[in-house]
Every structure is written in C-alpha cells, then in structure tokens.
Amino acid sequence: MHYFPYLLLFLGGCTLTVGDIIMKKWVLNNDRLLFIFGLLVYLVGLVFLSYSFKYKNIAVASTIFVIVNIATLSLISWAYFKEPLSPLQMVGITLGVSSILFLELA
C-alpha cells in the first residue's frame, strides 16, 4: 500500500500526457471529436490525482502529478513531434524530478 499513491500519481500524470497529445492532434486537425476525447482523458487523469489525495498531502501529490506529466510529455514531444528541448529546459526537468525525491525524503 506504500507505493499505491505513487502508482496513482504516475498513472494520472501519464494519462494527462495522453490528453495533451490528443489536444495537440486536435490543434493540428481541428477535429471536434478529438477535443471532446481530450477533455475526457484529462478528466480521467484528474480522477487519479483526486484519489491520491486520500494518501498524500495535496501539495505533494499535485507536485508529483505535474512533474510526471511534464517529464513524460517532454520525452514524447521530443520523440514523436520532434520538438527540441533546450539545455535549460532539460535542466529544469531534471530539477523537477529531483524535487520529487526531496519531497519524499523529508
């Protein structure tokens, strides 16, 4: 049960990443169904976040959720959409992931 909140936050962050990808496709294709589907996927991701509040402090859970989303979305946007990441952006992502470790070691 100790790892359950982290699993919820990881799944939620990854689900939000899928929602972000769907929204990017909506912007490129201007398809109303993609917009609606993207919103539904966002909602599912937020359900994971909301459920994690039972186990984690709201500030810590939200931070972990957002950092997981940023890290996975950065990797996907770089690999799939060929969007470059600057060295400063990579440092920022590394610091964000490190912040999760600092939050949990405290």
N, C-alpha and C. Protein backbone atom coordinates (compact mmCIF):
# COMPACT_ATOMS: atom_id res chain seq x y z
N MET A 1 0.82 -1.20 0.00
CA MET A 1 0.00 0.00 0.00
C MET A 1 0.86 1.26 0.00
N HIS A 2 2.13 1.11 0.40
CA HIS A 2 3.05 2.25 0.46
C HIS A 2 3.27 2.87 -0.92
N TYR A 3 3.28 2.05 -1.96
CA TYR A 3 3.55 2.55 -3.31
C TYR A 3 2.28 2.91 -4.08
N PHE A 4 1.13 2.60 -3.52
CA PHE A 4 -0.14 2.84 -4.22
C PHE A 4 -0.34 4.31 -4.61
N PRO A 5 -0.09 5.28 -3.72
CA PRO A 5 -0.27 6.68 -4.13
C PRO A 5 0.66 7.08 -5.28
N TYR A 6 1.88 6.54 -5.29
CA TYR A 6 2.81 6.85 -6.37
C TYR A 6 2.33 6.25 -7.69
N LEU A 7 1.77 5.06 -7.61
CA LEU A 7 1.20 4.43 -8.81
C LEU A 7 0.05 5.28 -9.34
N LEU A 8 -0.83 5.73 -8.45
CA LEU A 8 -1.94 6.60 -8.87
C LEU A 8 -1.42 7.87 -9.54
N LEU A 9 -0.42 8.49 -8.94
CA LEU A 9 0.12 9.74 -9.48
C LEU A 9 0.85 9.51 -10.80
N PHE A 10 1.57 8.41 -10.91
CA PHE A 10 2.25 8.10 -12.17
C PHE A 10 1.23 7.83 -13.27
N LEU A 11 0.22 7.02 -12.97
CA LEU A 11 -0.82 6.74 -13.97
C LEU A 11 -1.58 8.00 -14.34
N GLY A 12 -1.87 8.83 -13.35
CA GLY A 12 -2.56 10.09 -13.63
C GLY A 12 -1.74 11.03 -14.48
N GLY A 13 -0.46 11.15 -14.16
CA GLY A 13 0.43 12.02 -14.95
C GLY A 13 0.57 11.53 -16.38
N CYS A 14 0.69 10.21 -16.54
CA CYS A 14 0.78 9.64 -17.89
C CYS A 14 -0.53 9.80 -18.65
N THR A 15 -1.65 9.65 -17.95
CA THR A 15 -2.96 9.85 -18.58
C THR A 15 -3.10 11.29 -19.04
N LEU A 16 -2.65 12.22 -18.21
CA LEU A 16 -2.69 13.63 -18.60
C LEU A 16 -1.81 13.88 -19.83
N THR A 17 -0.69 13.18 -19.92
CA THR A 17 0.18 13.28 -21.09
C THR A 17 -0.55 12.82 -22.34
N VAL A 18 -1.29 11.73 -22.23
CA VAL A 18 -2.09 11.24 -23.37
C VAL A 18 -3.11 12.31 -23.76
N GLY A 19 -3.74 12.93 -22.76
CA GLY A 19 -4.68 14.02 -23.04
C GLY A 19 -4.01 15.18 -23.75
N ASP A 20 -2.79 15.51 -23.34
CA ASP A 20 -2.04 16.59 -24.00
C ASP A 20 -1.76 16.25 -25.47
N ILE A 21 -1.41 15.00 -25.72
CA ILE A 21 -1.12 14.57 -27.09
C ILE A 21 -2.39 14.65 -27.94
N ILE A 22 -3.50 14.22 -27.38
CA ILE A 22 -4.78 14.31 -28.11
C ILE A 22 -5.12 15.76 -28.41
N MET A 23 -4.88 16.65 -27.44
CA MET A 23 -5.15 18.07 -27.68
C MET A 23 -4.22 18.65 -28.75
N LYS A 24 -2.98 18.21 -28.77
CA LYS A 24 -2.06 18.66 -29.83
C LYS A 24 -2.57 18.22 -31.19
N LYS A 25 -3.07 16.97 -31.27
CA LYS A 25 -3.63 16.49 -32.53
C LYS A 25 -4.89 17.27 -32.89
N TRP A 26 -5.67 17.66 -31.88
CA TRP A 26 -6.86 18.47 -32.14
C TRP A 26 -6.46 19.81 -32.75
N VAL A 27 -5.42 20.43 -32.21
CA VAL A 27 -4.95 21.71 -32.74
C VAL A 27 -4.51 21.56 -34.20
N LEU A 28 -3.82 20.45 -34.49
CA LEU A 28 -3.32 20.25 -35.85
C LEU A 28 -4.43 19.89 -36.84
N ASN A 29 -5.46 19.15 -36.37
CA ASN A 29 -6.51 18.66 -37.27
C ASN A 29 -7.83 19.39 -37.15
N ASN A 30 -8.01 20.18 -36.08
CA ASN A 30 -9.26 20.91 -35.85
C ASN A 30 -10.48 20.00 -35.90
N ASP A 31 -10.40 18.87 -35.20
CA ASP A 31 -11.49 17.89 -35.15
C ASP A 31 -12.17 17.98 -33.78
N ARG A 32 -13.44 18.30 -33.78
CA ARG A 32 -14.18 18.49 -32.53
C ARG A 32 -14.19 17.23 -31.67
N LEU A 33 -14.23 16.06 -32.28
CA LEU A 33 -14.22 14.81 -31.51
C LEU A 33 -12.90 14.63 -30.75
N LEU A 34 -11.80 15.04 -31.34
CA LEU A 34 -10.52 14.97 -30.64
C LEU A 34 -10.54 15.89 -29.41
N PHE A 35 -11.15 17.04 -29.54
CA PHE A 35 -11.25 17.97 -28.41
C PHE A 35 -12.04 17.35 -27.26
N ILE A 36 -13.19 16.78 -27.59
CA ILE A 36 -14.04 16.15 -26.56
C ILE A 36 -13.33 14.96 -25.94
N PHE A 37 -12.70 14.14 -26.75
CA PHE A 37 -11.98 12.98 -26.24
C PHE A 37 -10.81 13.41 -25.36
N GLY A 38 -10.11 14.47 -25.77
CA GLY A 38 -9.01 15.00 -24.96
C GLY A 38 -9.49 15.46 -23.59
N LEU A 39 -10.62 16.14 -23.54
CA LEU A 39 -11.18 16.58 -22.26
C LEU A 39 -11.54 15.39 -21.38
N LEU A 40 -12.09 14.34 -21.98
CA LEU A 40 -12.44 13.14 -21.20
C LEU A 40 -11.19 12.46 -20.64
N VAL A 41 -10.14 12.42 -21.43
CA VAL A 41 -8.89 11.82 -20.95
C VAL A 41 -8.31 12.67 -19.81
N TYR A 42 -8.37 14.00 -19.94
CA TYR A 42 -7.94 14.88 -18.85
C TYR A 42 -8.72 14.57 -17.57
N LEU A 43 -10.01 14.38 -17.72
CA LEU A 43 -10.86 14.08 -16.56
C LEU A 43 -10.42 12.80 -15.87
N VAL A 44 -10.12 11.78 -16.63
CA VAL A 44 -9.65 10.51 -16.05
C VAL A 44 -8.34 10.74 -15.30
N GLY A 45 -7.43 11.51 -15.88
CA GLY A 45 -6.17 11.81 -15.20
C GLY A 45 -6.39 12.53 -13.89
N LEU A 46 -7.34 13.45 -13.86
CA LEU A 46 -7.62 14.19 -12.63
C LEU A 46 -8.29 13.32 -11.58
N VAL A 47 -9.00 12.28 -12.01
CA VAL A 47 -9.57 11.32 -11.05
C VAL A 47 -8.44 10.61 -10.30
N PHE A 48 -7.39 10.22 -11.02
CA PHE A 48 -6.23 9.61 -10.36
C PHE A 48 -5.64 10.57 -9.33
N LEU A 49 -5.47 11.83 -9.72
CA LEU A 49 -4.93 12.82 -8.80
C LEU A 49 -5.83 12.97 -7.58
N SER A 50 -7.11 13.11 -7.80
CA SER A 50 -8.06 13.30 -6.70
C SER A 50 -8.03 12.12 -5.73
N TYR A 51 -7.97 10.92 -6.26
CA TYR A 51 -7.95 9.74 -5.41
C TYR A 51 -6.65 9.67 -4.60
N SER A 52 -5.56 10.19 -5.14
CA SER A 52 -4.28 10.17 -4.42
C SER A 52 -4.30 11.08 -3.20
N PHE A 53 -5.23 12.04 -3.16
CA PHE A 53 -5.32 12.94 -2.02
C PHE A 53 -5.69 12.20 -0.74
N LYS A 54 -6.24 11.00 -0.86
CA LYS A 54 -6.53 10.19 0.32
C LYS A 54 -5.25 9.75 1.03
N TYR A 55 -4.17 9.68 0.28
CA TYR A 55 -2.93 9.11 0.80
C TYR A 55 -1.79 10.12 0.95
N LYS A 56 -1.86 11.19 0.19
CA LYS A 56 -0.76 12.15 0.16
C LYS A 56 -1.27 13.56 0.44
N ASN A 57 -0.40 14.38 0.96
CA ASN A 57 -0.66 15.80 1.13
C ASN A 57 -0.98 16.39 -0.25
N ILE A 58 -1.96 17.28 -0.31
CA ILE A 58 -2.41 17.82 -1.60
C ILE A 58 -1.28 18.52 -2.36
N ALA A 59 -0.43 19.25 -1.67
CA ALA A 59 0.66 19.97 -2.34
C ALA A 59 1.68 18.98 -2.90
N VAL A 60 2.03 17.97 -2.13
CA VAL A 60 3.00 16.98 -2.58
C VAL A 60 2.43 16.17 -3.74
N ALA A 61 1.18 15.72 -3.61
CA ALA A 61 0.56 14.92 -4.67
C ALA A 61 0.46 15.72 -5.96
N SER A 62 0.04 16.96 -5.87
CA SER A 62 -0.09 17.79 -7.07
C SER A 62 1.26 18.03 -7.73
N THR A 63 2.28 18.24 -6.93
CA THR A 63 3.62 18.45 -7.47
C THR A 63 4.12 17.22 -8.21
N ILE A 64 3.97 16.07 -7.58
CA ILE A 64 4.41 14.82 -8.22
C ILE A 64 3.64 14.60 -9.52
N PHE A 65 2.34 14.82 -9.49
CA PHE A 65 1.47 14.65 -10.66
C PHE A 65 1.94 15.52 -11.82
N VAL A 66 2.19 16.79 -11.54
CA VAL A 66 2.60 17.73 -12.59
C VAL A 66 3.99 17.39 -13.12
N ILE A 67 4.91 17.03 -12.24
CA ILE A 67 6.27 16.72 -12.68
C ILE A 67 6.27 15.46 -13.55
N VAL A 68 5.49 14.45 -13.17
CA VAL A 68 5.38 13.24 -14.01
C VAL A 68 4.84 13.62 -15.38
N ASN A 69 3.81 14.48 -15.40
CA ASN A 69 3.24 14.93 -16.67
C ASN A 69 4.27 15.68 -17.51
N ILE A 70 5.00 16.60 -16.90
CA ILE A 70 5.99 17.38 -17.63
C ILE A 70 7.11 16.49 -18.17
N ALA A 71 7.60 15.59 -17.34
CA ALA A 71 8.70 14.72 -17.77
C ALA A 71 8.28 13.81 -18.92
N THR A 72 7.13 13.16 -18.79
CA THR A 72 6.68 12.25 -19.85
C THR A 72 6.30 13.02 -21.11
N LEU A 73 5.67 14.16 -20.94
CA LEU A 73 5.28 14.97 -22.10
C LEU A 73 6.50 15.51 -22.83
N SER A 74 7.53 15.88 -22.11
CA SER A 74 8.76 16.36 -22.75
C SER A 74 9.41 15.26 -23.59
N LEU A 75 9.45 14.07 -23.05
CA LEU A 75 10.02 12.95 -23.80
C LEU A 75 9.19 12.62 -25.04
N ILE A 76 7.89 12.60 -24.89
CA ILE A 76 7.00 12.29 -26.02
C ILE A 76 7.09 13.39 -27.08
N SER A 77 7.05 14.65 -26.65
CA SER A 77 7.08 15.74 -27.64
C SER A 77 8.41 15.76 -28.39
N TRP A 78 9.48 15.40 -27.70
CA TRP A 78 10.79 15.32 -28.36
C TRP A 78 10.85 14.14 -29.33
N ALA A 79 10.37 12.97 -28.91
CA ALA A 79 10.47 11.77 -29.74
C ALA A 79 9.43 11.73 -30.85
N TYR A 80 8.20 12.10 -30.55
CA TYR A 80 7.10 11.92 -31.51
C TYR A 80 6.88 13.16 -32.39
N PHE A 81 6.85 14.33 -31.75
CA PHE A 81 6.58 15.56 -32.50
C PHE A 81 7.86 16.25 -32.98
N LYS A 82 9.03 15.70 -32.60
CA LYS A 82 10.33 16.25 -33.00
C LYS A 82 10.52 17.69 -32.53
N GLU A 83 9.96 18.00 -31.35
CA GLU A 83 10.13 19.33 -30.78
C GLU A 83 11.40 19.32 -29.92
N PRO A 84 12.33 20.20 -30.21
CA PRO A 84 13.61 20.18 -29.47
C PRO A 84 13.46 20.70 -28.04
N LEU A 85 14.34 20.21 -27.18
CA LEU A 85 14.44 20.71 -25.81
C LEU A 85 15.77 21.42 -25.66
N SER A 86 15.74 22.60 -25.11
CA SER A 86 16.98 23.34 -24.88
C SER A 86 17.68 22.75 -23.65
N PRO A 87 18.97 23.01 -23.52
CA PRO A 87 19.68 22.55 -22.32
C PRO A 87 19.05 23.08 -21.03
N LEU A 88 18.58 24.33 -21.05
CA LEU A 88 17.95 24.90 -19.87
C LEU A 88 16.65 24.16 -19.53
N GLN A 89 15.88 23.79 -20.54
CA GLN A 89 14.65 23.02 -20.31
C GLN A 89 14.97 21.65 -19.72
N MET A 90 16.03 21.01 -20.22
CA MET A 90 16.43 19.71 -19.68
C MET A 90 16.87 19.82 -18.23
N VAL A 91 17.57 20.89 -17.90
CA VAL A 91 17.97 21.12 -16.51
C VAL A 91 16.71 21.31 -15.65
N GLY A 92 15.76 22.06 -16.14
CA GLY A 92 14.52 22.30 -15.41
C GLY A 92 13.76 21.00 -15.14
N ILE A 93 13.68 20.14 -16.13
CA ILE A 93 13.01 18.85 -15.95
C ILE A 93 13.75 18.00 -14.93
N THR A 94 15.07 18.00 -15.02
CA THR A 94 15.89 17.25 -14.05
C THR A 94 15.66 17.77 -12.63
N LEU A 95 15.61 19.08 -12.48
CA LEU A 95 15.35 19.66 -11.16
C LEU A 95 13.95 19.29 -10.67
N GLY A 96 12.99 19.25 -11.58
CA GLY A 96 11.62 18.87 -11.20
C GLY A 96 11.56 17.44 -10.69
N VAL A 97 12.20 16.54 -11.40
CA VAL A 97 12.24 15.14 -10.97
C VAL A 97 12.99 15.03 -9.64
N SER A 98 14.05 15.78 -9.49
CA SER A 98 14.79 15.79 -8.22
C SER A 98 13.93 16.30 -7.08
N SER A 99 13.06 17.26 -7.37
CA SER A 99 12.19 17.81 -6.32
C SER A 99 11.27 16.74 -5.75
N ILE A 100 10.85 15.80 -6.58
CA ILE A 100 10.01 14.69 -6.09
C ILE A 100 10.78 13.91 -5.03
N LEU A 101 12.03 13.63 -5.33
CA LEU A 101 12.86 12.89 -4.35
C LEU A 101 13.01 13.68 -3.06
N PHE A 102 13.25 14.98 -3.17
CA PHE A 102 13.40 15.81 -1.96
C PHE A 102 12.10 15.88 -1.17
N LEU A 103 10.97 15.95 -1.86
CA LEU A 103 9.68 15.98 -1.16
C LEU A 103 9.44 14.70 -0.38
N GLU A 104 9.86 13.60 -0.94
CA GLU A 104 9.58 12.31 -0.31
C GLU A 104 10.61 11.91 0.72
N LEU A 105 11.80 12.47 0.65
CA LEU A 105 12.81 12.18 1.66
C LEU A 105 12.56 12.96 2.95
N ALA A 106 11.81 14.04 2.83
CA ALA A 106 11.55 14.91 4.01
C ALA A 106 10.59 14.24 4.98
